Amino acid sequence: MAARKIGILHPGQMGVSIAANAKGETNRVVWASEGRGSDTKRRADEAGLEDAGTIARLCAECDVIFSVCPPHAAEDVAAEVVSAGFTGTFVDANAISPDRTSRIAATVKEAGITFVDGGIVGGPAWKPGTVLYLSGAAADEVATCFGDGPLEVAVIGDEIGRASALKMCFAAYTKGTTALLSAILATAENLGVRDDLYRQWTRGDAGFPEQTENRVRNVTAKAWRFAGEMDEIAATFRSAGLPGEFHDAAAEIYRRTAGFKDAPETPSLAEVIAALARDSGDV
């Protein structure tokens, strides 16, 4: 396969790992520094990405563009690509609902852009274990952007929305249960039974209380992003005829701890519980 020029919008912690896997030994991967912060620039430089400067130039140079951004920004990123006159293949690999994916697909297709649906399951792909699921008529072609790196790529059909649906269902459990455990710990603490709960948990798994505390504390760094993802999952459930209220509540849990985003160190459990216990009107 001939080397290609691939664009990445925008190289956050997940996006830069996807870009590095696409780069391999042959492809050139490009990002746009205009309007981006110093952390993004540092990540891009460390991964050896080329800087096109502007999104317009990136769109003019690249054959394939990957969008890996927070869920709330997915439409805006797609709109920028359309406005720049891109004519290649656009891969939306964001954690958004199948319905939202389909709406974005309709917009970019109307502009003459080929659309592929993507869903990333796992953490930043620096070691094996993360899978990029792809669906859409051009999914097989996009899969060839990746070689022998640690990222696994799986094409799961021609239907737009299928990859997004899988991502939503998987994250509904993994991130949804972490939100539930966060609420359980805060409730048990406020009712004075957390130690009793821990004793009950250890009957089945001696390490479960410590594991749970670590999950609840460590997730706070990503809570600002996961809140939007829970909103997308709630919408996905409702579209499929299921209640979405569980993940509405999970979104609220993550919003209450979103303030830890730029914390210099992982907050204590007491700090997390205090943030969770605030009335929603104070958030």
Foldseek 3Di string as FASTA:
>chain_A
DAAFEEEEAFDDLQRLLVQLQLCPPGYAYEYACVPDDPVRVVSCVVSVHHYLNDLLSSLVRGQEYEYEDFPVCQLVVLVVSLVSLRQHEYEYAYLFALVVQVVSCVVVVVSNYHYKYWYWDDGRQQAADIEIEIEAPCQVVVVVSGDPGRYHYHYDYRDRRPNSLVNLVVCCPPLLVLLVLLVVCLVCVVVVNNVVVLVVVVVPPVCVVVVSQCSNQVCLLCLVRVLVSLVRSLVNQVVVVHHSVSSPSSSLLSVLSNVCNPPPDGDGSVVSSVSNPDDSVVD
